[in-house]
N, C-alpha and C. Protein backbone atom coordinates (compact mmCIF):
# COMPACT_ATOMS: atom_id res chain seq x y z
N MET A 1 -9.78 23.88 35.62
CA MET A 1 -9.00 22.97 36.43
C MET A 1 -8.81 21.68 35.66
N LYS A 2 -7.61 21.19 35.64
CA LYS A 2 -7.38 19.86 35.07
C LYS A 2 -8.01 18.87 36.01
N HIS A 3 -8.74 17.93 35.49
CA HIS A 3 -9.50 17.03 36.34
C HIS A 3 -9.55 15.64 35.71
N THR A 4 -9.50 14.64 36.55
CA THR A 4 -9.75 13.26 36.13
C THR A 4 -10.85 12.70 37.00
N GLY A 5 -11.92 12.27 36.38
CA GLY A 5 -13.00 11.61 37.11
C GLY A 5 -12.64 10.14 37.30
N VAL A 6 -12.98 9.60 38.45
CA VAL A 6 -12.67 8.20 38.74
C VAL A 6 -13.92 7.49 39.23
N MET A 7 -14.19 6.34 38.64
CA MET A 7 -15.28 5.46 39.08
C MET A 7 -14.68 4.09 39.36
N THR A 8 -15.11 3.47 40.43
CA THR A 8 -14.73 2.08 40.68
C THR A 8 -16.01 1.26 40.82
N PHE A 9 -15.98 0.06 40.30
CA PHE A 9 -17.16 -0.80 40.36
C PHE A 9 -16.74 -2.24 40.11
N THR A 10 -17.61 -3.15 40.50
CA THR A 10 -17.38 -4.58 40.32
C THR A 10 -18.27 -5.09 39.20
N VAL A 11 -17.70 -5.90 38.32
CA VAL A 11 -18.46 -6.48 37.22
C VAL A 11 -19.52 -7.42 37.79
N GLY A 12 -20.76 -7.19 37.41
CA GLY A 12 -21.88 -8.02 37.87
C GLY A 12 -22.29 -9.06 36.84
N TRP A 13 -23.15 -9.97 37.29
CA TRP A 13 -23.64 -11.04 36.42
C TRP A 13 -24.29 -10.48 35.15
N GLY A 14 -25.12 -9.47 35.30
CA GLY A 14 -25.82 -8.90 34.15
C GLY A 14 -24.94 -8.15 33.18
N ASP A 15 -23.68 -7.91 33.55
CA ASP A 15 -22.73 -7.22 32.67
C ASP A 15 -22.06 -8.19 31.70
N CYS A 16 -22.21 -9.48 31.93
CA CYS A 16 -21.41 -10.48 31.22
C CYS A 16 -22.19 -11.22 30.14
N SER A 17 -21.45 -11.69 29.15
CA SER A 17 -21.99 -12.58 28.13
C SER A 17 -21.93 -14.01 28.67
N PRO A 18 -22.50 -14.97 27.96
CA PRO A 18 -22.43 -16.36 28.43
C PRO A 18 -20.99 -16.87 28.63
N SER A 19 -20.02 -16.25 27.97
CA SER A 19 -18.63 -16.67 28.12
C SER A 19 -18.04 -16.27 29.47
N GLY A 20 -18.73 -15.36 30.16
CA GLY A 20 -18.21 -14.86 31.44
C GLY A 20 -17.46 -13.56 31.32
N ALA A 21 -17.16 -13.14 30.10
CA ALA A 21 -16.51 -11.85 29.87
C ALA A 21 -17.58 -10.76 29.76
N VAL A 22 -17.18 -9.53 30.02
CA VAL A 22 -18.12 -8.40 29.90
C VAL A 22 -18.62 -8.33 28.46
N PHE A 23 -19.93 -8.21 28.29
CA PHE A 23 -20.55 -8.03 26.98
C PHE A 23 -20.21 -6.62 26.53
N TYR A 24 -19.59 -6.47 25.36
CA TYR A 24 -18.97 -5.22 24.95
C TYR A 24 -19.86 -3.97 25.01
N PRO A 25 -21.19 -4.01 24.75
CA PRO A 25 -21.97 -2.77 24.86
C PRO A 25 -21.93 -2.15 26.26
N ASN A 26 -21.67 -2.97 27.27
CA ASN A 26 -21.62 -2.43 28.63
C ASN A 26 -20.47 -1.46 28.82
N TYR A 27 -19.39 -1.64 28.09
CA TYR A 27 -18.29 -0.68 28.18
C TYR A 27 -18.76 0.72 27.78
N PHE A 28 -19.56 0.79 26.72
CA PHE A 28 -20.06 2.09 26.26
C PHE A 28 -21.01 2.71 27.28
N ARG A 29 -21.79 1.89 27.93
CA ARG A 29 -22.67 2.37 29.01
C ARG A 29 -21.82 2.95 30.13
N TRP A 30 -20.74 2.26 30.47
CA TRP A 30 -19.85 2.74 31.53
C TRP A 30 -19.14 4.03 31.13
N PHE A 31 -18.74 4.15 29.86
CA PHE A 31 -18.09 5.39 29.42
C PHE A 31 -19.05 6.56 29.53
N ASP A 32 -20.32 6.35 29.19
CA ASP A 32 -21.29 7.43 29.30
C ASP A 32 -21.51 7.80 30.76
N ALA A 33 -21.63 6.82 31.63
CA ALA A 33 -21.77 7.11 33.07
C ALA A 33 -20.54 7.84 33.58
N ALA A 34 -19.37 7.48 33.08
CA ALA A 34 -18.13 8.14 33.51
C ALA A 34 -18.09 9.60 33.08
N MET A 35 -18.68 9.92 31.92
CA MET A 35 -18.75 11.31 31.48
C MET A 35 -19.56 12.13 32.47
N TRP A 36 -20.74 11.63 32.88
CA TRP A 36 -21.57 12.35 33.85
C TRP A 36 -20.83 12.45 35.19
N ASN A 37 -20.20 11.37 35.61
CA ASN A 37 -19.44 11.34 36.85
C ASN A 37 -18.29 12.35 36.83
N PHE A 38 -17.64 12.48 35.68
CA PHE A 38 -16.53 13.43 35.53
C PHE A 38 -16.97 14.83 35.94
N PHE A 39 -18.10 15.28 35.40
CA PHE A 39 -18.58 16.63 35.71
C PHE A 39 -19.06 16.75 37.15
N ASP A 40 -19.69 15.72 37.67
CA ASP A 40 -20.10 15.73 39.09
C ASP A 40 -18.89 15.88 40.00
N GLN A 41 -17.85 15.11 39.75
CA GLN A 41 -16.66 15.16 40.60
C GLN A 41 -15.88 16.46 40.45
N ALA A 42 -16.07 17.14 39.33
CA ALA A 42 -15.38 18.42 39.10
C ALA A 42 -16.16 19.59 39.72
N ASP A 43 -17.21 19.28 40.47
CA ASP A 43 -18.05 20.29 41.13
C ASP A 43 -18.79 21.19 40.15
N TRP A 44 -19.07 20.68 38.96
CA TRP A 44 -19.91 21.38 38.00
C TRP A 44 -20.75 20.34 37.27
N PRO A 45 -21.77 19.79 37.96
CA PRO A 45 -22.59 18.74 37.35
C PRO A 45 -23.16 19.20 36.01
N LEU A 46 -23.26 18.27 35.10
CA LEU A 46 -23.75 18.60 33.77
C LEU A 46 -25.14 19.24 33.81
N ARG A 47 -26.00 18.80 34.72
CA ARG A 47 -27.34 19.41 34.82
C ARG A 47 -27.24 20.89 35.21
N ALA A 48 -26.30 21.24 36.09
CA ALA A 48 -26.10 22.65 36.47
C ALA A 48 -25.55 23.43 35.28
N MET A 49 -24.66 22.81 34.51
CA MET A 49 -24.11 23.45 33.32
C MET A 49 -25.22 23.70 32.31
N GLU A 50 -26.11 22.72 32.16
CA GLU A 50 -27.24 22.88 31.24
C GLU A 50 -28.13 24.04 31.67
N ALA A 51 -28.41 24.14 32.96
CA ALA A 51 -29.26 25.23 33.47
C ALA A 51 -28.61 26.58 33.24
N GLU A 52 -27.30 26.65 33.39
CA GLU A 52 -26.60 27.92 33.25
C GLU A 52 -26.37 28.32 31.80
N HIS A 53 -26.10 27.34 30.93
CA HIS A 53 -25.68 27.67 29.56
C HIS A 53 -26.66 27.23 28.47
N GLY A 54 -27.71 26.49 28.81
CA GLY A 54 -28.73 26.13 27.83
C GLY A 54 -28.39 24.96 26.94
N ASN A 55 -27.29 24.28 27.21
CA ASN A 55 -26.99 23.10 26.40
C ASN A 55 -27.89 21.94 26.84
N VAL A 56 -27.96 20.94 25.99
CA VAL A 56 -28.75 19.75 26.27
C VAL A 56 -27.78 18.56 26.26
N GLY A 57 -27.06 18.42 27.34
CA GLY A 57 -26.08 17.34 27.44
C GLY A 57 -24.89 17.55 26.52
N LEU A 58 -24.16 16.49 26.36
CA LEU A 58 -23.00 16.46 25.47
C LEU A 58 -23.11 15.20 24.61
N PRO A 59 -23.93 15.25 23.56
CA PRO A 59 -24.15 14.06 22.75
C PRO A 59 -22.86 13.53 22.11
N LEU A 60 -22.80 12.23 22.03
CA LEU A 60 -21.65 11.53 21.46
C LEU A 60 -21.74 11.55 19.94
N ILE A 61 -20.62 11.90 19.29
CA ILE A 61 -20.60 11.87 17.82
C ILE A 61 -19.52 10.96 17.26
N GLU A 62 -18.56 10.57 18.09
CA GLU A 62 -17.51 9.67 17.61
C GLU A 62 -16.90 8.95 18.80
N THR A 63 -16.53 7.69 18.59
CA THR A 63 -15.88 6.94 19.67
C THR A 63 -14.88 5.95 19.09
N HIS A 64 -13.84 5.69 19.85
CA HIS A 64 -12.82 4.70 19.49
C HIS A 64 -12.50 3.90 20.74
N VAL A 65 -12.37 2.60 20.58
CA VAL A 65 -12.08 1.74 21.72
C VAL A 65 -10.98 0.75 21.34
N ASN A 66 -10.02 0.59 22.24
CA ASN A 66 -8.97 -0.40 22.07
C ASN A 66 -9.10 -1.40 23.22
N PHE A 67 -9.58 -2.58 22.89
CA PHE A 67 -9.76 -3.64 23.89
C PHE A 67 -8.42 -4.35 24.07
N LYS A 68 -7.83 -4.23 25.25
CA LYS A 68 -6.51 -4.80 25.50
C LYS A 68 -6.57 -6.13 26.24
N ARG A 69 -7.52 -6.28 27.15
CA ARG A 69 -7.66 -7.52 27.92
C ARG A 69 -9.10 -7.62 28.41
N PRO A 70 -9.60 -8.82 28.58
CA PRO A 70 -11.00 -8.97 28.99
C PRO A 70 -11.22 -8.62 30.45
N CYS A 71 -12.44 -8.28 30.75
CA CYS A 71 -12.90 -8.10 32.13
C CYS A 71 -13.97 -9.15 32.35
N ARG A 72 -13.99 -9.71 33.56
CA ARG A 72 -14.88 -10.83 33.83
C ARG A 72 -15.68 -10.62 35.11
N LEU A 73 -16.65 -11.48 35.31
CA LEU A 73 -17.50 -11.45 36.49
C LEU A 73 -16.66 -11.32 37.76
N HIS A 74 -17.07 -10.40 38.61
CA HIS A 74 -16.45 -10.11 39.91
C HIS A 74 -15.14 -9.33 39.84
N ASP A 75 -14.67 -8.96 38.64
CA ASP A 75 -13.46 -8.13 38.56
C ASP A 75 -13.77 -6.75 39.13
N LEU A 76 -12.83 -6.20 39.86
CA LEU A 76 -12.95 -4.83 40.38
C LEU A 76 -12.27 -3.91 39.38
N LEU A 77 -13.03 -2.97 38.83
CA LEU A 77 -12.55 -2.09 37.77
C LEU A 77 -12.45 -0.65 38.26
N ARG A 78 -11.50 0.08 37.68
CA ARG A 78 -11.37 1.52 37.93
C ARG A 78 -11.36 2.21 36.57
N LEU A 79 -12.26 3.17 36.40
CA LEU A 79 -12.40 3.89 35.13
C LEU A 79 -12.03 5.35 35.35
N GLU A 80 -10.98 5.79 34.65
CA GLU A 80 -10.52 7.18 34.75
C GLU A 80 -10.90 7.92 33.47
N THR A 81 -11.50 9.10 33.64
CA THR A 81 -12.00 9.88 32.51
C THR A 81 -11.50 11.31 32.61
N SER A 82 -11.10 11.88 31.48
CA SER A 82 -10.66 13.28 31.47
C SER A 82 -10.97 13.91 30.12
N ILE A 83 -10.98 15.24 30.10
CA ILE A 83 -11.10 15.99 28.85
C ILE A 83 -9.68 16.17 28.33
N THR A 84 -9.46 15.80 27.08
CA THR A 84 -8.13 15.90 26.50
C THR A 84 -7.98 17.07 25.53
N ALA A 85 -9.09 17.59 25.01
CA ALA A 85 -9.00 18.71 24.07
C ALA A 85 -10.37 19.36 23.91
N PHE A 86 -10.32 20.64 23.57
CA PHE A 86 -11.51 21.40 23.21
C PHE A 86 -11.35 21.91 21.79
N ALA A 87 -12.42 21.87 21.02
CA ALA A 87 -12.52 22.58 19.75
C ALA A 87 -13.63 23.61 19.95
N ARG A 88 -14.00 24.32 18.92
CA ARG A 88 -15.01 25.37 19.08
C ARG A 88 -16.34 24.83 19.60
N LYS A 89 -16.78 23.68 19.04
CA LYS A 89 -18.11 23.15 19.37
C LYS A 89 -18.06 21.73 19.94
N THR A 90 -16.87 21.18 20.10
CA THR A 90 -16.74 19.80 20.57
C THR A 90 -15.67 19.71 21.65
N LEU A 91 -15.73 18.60 22.37
CA LEU A 91 -14.65 18.29 23.31
C LEU A 91 -14.32 16.81 23.18
N ASP A 92 -13.06 16.51 23.42
CA ASP A 92 -12.57 15.13 23.37
C ASP A 92 -12.39 14.63 24.80
N MET A 93 -12.83 13.41 25.04
CA MET A 93 -12.66 12.80 26.35
C MET A 93 -11.91 11.48 26.18
N SER A 94 -11.12 11.14 27.19
CA SER A 94 -10.45 9.84 27.20
C SER A 94 -10.97 9.04 28.38
N HIS A 95 -11.00 7.74 28.20
CA HIS A 95 -11.44 6.81 29.23
C HIS A 95 -10.39 5.69 29.30
N THR A 96 -9.84 5.47 30.47
CA THR A 96 -8.90 4.37 30.68
C THR A 96 -9.48 3.46 31.74
N LEU A 97 -9.73 2.22 31.37
CA LEU A 97 -10.32 1.26 32.29
C LEU A 97 -9.23 0.30 32.77
N PHE A 98 -9.06 0.27 34.09
CA PHE A 98 -8.07 -0.60 34.70
C PHE A 98 -8.77 -1.80 35.32
N ASN A 99 -8.19 -2.97 35.11
CA ASN A 99 -8.61 -4.19 35.78
C ASN A 99 -7.43 -4.57 36.67
N GLY A 100 -7.57 -4.30 37.96
CA GLY A 100 -6.41 -4.39 38.84
C GLY A 100 -5.44 -3.28 38.48
N ASP A 101 -4.18 -3.61 38.28
CA ASP A 101 -3.19 -2.59 37.93
C ASP A 101 -2.89 -2.56 36.43
N LYS A 102 -3.64 -3.31 35.64
CA LYS A 102 -3.41 -3.38 34.20
C LYS A 102 -4.51 -2.66 33.43
N ILE A 103 -4.10 -2.00 32.35
CA ILE A 103 -5.08 -1.34 31.48
C ILE A 103 -5.82 -2.41 30.69
N ALA A 104 -7.14 -2.41 30.82
CA ALA A 104 -7.98 -3.34 30.08
C ALA A 104 -8.50 -2.70 28.79
N ILE A 105 -8.80 -1.40 28.87
CA ILE A 105 -9.38 -0.70 27.72
C ILE A 105 -8.91 0.74 27.71
N GLU A 106 -8.58 1.22 26.52
CA GLU A 106 -8.34 2.65 26.30
C GLU A 106 -9.37 3.10 25.28
N ALA A 107 -10.08 4.17 25.61
CA ALA A 107 -11.14 4.64 24.72
C ALA A 107 -11.10 6.16 24.66
N SER A 108 -11.65 6.68 23.58
CA SER A 108 -11.80 8.13 23.46
C SER A 108 -13.13 8.40 22.78
N ASP A 109 -13.65 9.58 23.05
CA ASP A 109 -14.86 9.97 22.34
C ASP A 109 -14.87 11.47 22.13
N ILE A 110 -15.66 11.86 21.17
CA ILE A 110 -15.88 13.27 20.86
C ILE A 110 -17.35 13.55 21.10
N ARG A 111 -17.60 14.62 21.83
CA ARG A 111 -18.97 15.03 22.17
C ARG A 111 -19.17 16.47 21.73
N PHE A 112 -20.39 16.80 21.32
CA PHE A 112 -20.64 18.18 20.90
C PHE A 112 -21.50 18.91 21.92
N TRP A 113 -21.34 20.23 21.93
CA TRP A 113 -22.11 21.11 22.81
C TRP A 113 -23.47 21.27 22.15
N GLY A 114 -24.43 20.45 22.57
CA GLY A 114 -25.72 20.42 21.91
C GLY A 114 -26.70 21.43 22.49
N VAL A 115 -27.36 22.16 21.62
CA VAL A 115 -28.45 23.06 22.01
C VAL A 115 -29.66 22.73 21.14
N LYS A 116 -30.83 23.10 21.62
CA LYS A 116 -32.05 22.85 20.85
C LYS A 116 -32.01 23.64 19.55
N HIS A 117 -32.38 22.96 18.47
CA HIS A 117 -32.42 23.62 17.16
C HIS A 117 -33.52 24.66 17.17
N PRO A 118 -33.27 25.85 16.61
CA PRO A 118 -34.28 26.91 16.65
C PRO A 118 -35.54 26.62 15.83
N ASP A 119 -35.52 25.60 14.97
CA ASP A 119 -36.71 25.32 14.17
C ASP A 119 -37.81 24.59 14.95
N GLY A 120 -37.54 24.28 16.23
CA GLY A 120 -38.55 23.66 17.07
C GLY A 120 -38.80 22.19 16.79
N SER A 121 -37.96 21.58 15.98
CA SER A 121 -38.16 20.19 15.58
C SER A 121 -37.76 19.18 16.66
N GLY A 122 -37.10 19.65 17.69
CA GLY A 122 -36.61 18.74 18.72
C GLY A 122 -35.20 18.25 18.44
N ARG A 123 -34.70 18.59 17.25
CA ARG A 123 -33.32 18.22 16.93
C ARG A 123 -32.35 19.06 17.74
N LEU A 124 -31.12 18.60 17.81
CA LEU A 124 -30.06 19.38 18.43
C LEU A 124 -29.13 19.90 17.36
N LYS A 125 -28.44 20.97 17.68
CA LYS A 125 -27.38 21.46 16.80
C LYS A 125 -26.18 21.79 17.67
N ALA A 126 -25.02 21.76 17.05
CA ALA A 126 -23.79 22.08 17.77
C ALA A 126 -23.67 23.59 17.91
N ALA A 127 -23.27 24.03 19.10
CA ALA A 127 -23.07 25.45 19.37
C ALA A 127 -21.67 25.63 19.95
N LEU A 128 -21.23 26.87 20.00
CA LEU A 128 -19.92 27.18 20.57
C LEU A 128 -19.91 26.83 22.06
N ILE A 129 -18.84 26.20 22.49
CA ILE A 129 -18.68 25.90 23.91
C ILE A 129 -18.32 27.21 24.60
N PRO A 130 -19.05 27.60 25.64
CA PRO A 130 -18.75 28.85 26.34
C PRO A 130 -17.31 28.88 26.87
N GLU A 131 -16.68 30.03 26.72
CA GLU A 131 -15.30 30.20 27.17
C GLU A 131 -15.15 29.86 28.66
N LYS A 132 -16.17 30.17 29.44
CA LYS A 132 -16.13 29.86 30.87
C LYS A 132 -15.93 28.36 31.11
N VAL A 133 -16.57 27.54 30.30
CA VAL A 133 -16.45 26.08 30.42
C VAL A 133 -15.05 25.63 30.01
N VAL A 134 -14.58 26.14 28.89
CA VAL A 134 -13.23 25.78 28.41
C VAL A 134 -12.19 26.17 29.45
N THR A 135 -12.29 27.37 29.97
CA THR A 135 -11.33 27.85 30.97
C THR A 135 -11.38 27.01 32.23
N TYR A 136 -12.57 26.69 32.70
CA TYR A 136 -12.74 25.92 33.94
C TYR A 136 -12.02 24.58 33.87
N PHE A 137 -12.10 23.92 32.72
CA PHE A 137 -11.53 22.59 32.59
C PHE A 137 -10.14 22.57 31.95
N SER A 138 -9.60 23.73 31.61
CA SER A 138 -8.29 23.79 30.97
C SER A 138 -7.19 24.28 31.88
N VAL A 139 -7.53 24.96 32.94
CA VAL A 139 -6.51 25.58 33.80
C VAL A 139 -5.93 24.56 34.74
C-alpha cells in the first residue's frame, strides 16, 4: 500500500538553540521518530516486522537535508514521511516538514534491512528485504 505517515507536534523550549530557532540535531531525531511512526500508521509496526522477519530495525546509512526556512519555539509542525524507493537491501524514505502551509525542510534518507551478523560480534549486516515487505508498501 502506498502510505504517508504524518506527525504533528509543537516546537518546545528544549528543541531550540539560544537564538530561538530549532537546534538542527532535533530535526534528525524527528526524522527517526517519523520513520517508526510511518510503520505504526501503516498497520505494520517495525517491532512486528522484526519479530516476523528477523531484522533489527532499519539503520540509517545516508541522509540529505535541505533547510528552507527556520522553525521556532511554539511553531506547529507537520512531518510527512513516505518510502520512495526499494533496492535489494535498502529503502529510501522522504521527509517533508511543514511549518504552517510552507515547506520548512525536505529530507531523504537511505536505510538498510539490518540483520545480526552470523559471526556473533553484535554487528549488523545488510540482508535482502523480503518481497512481502516490498509488495506491502509498493502497491
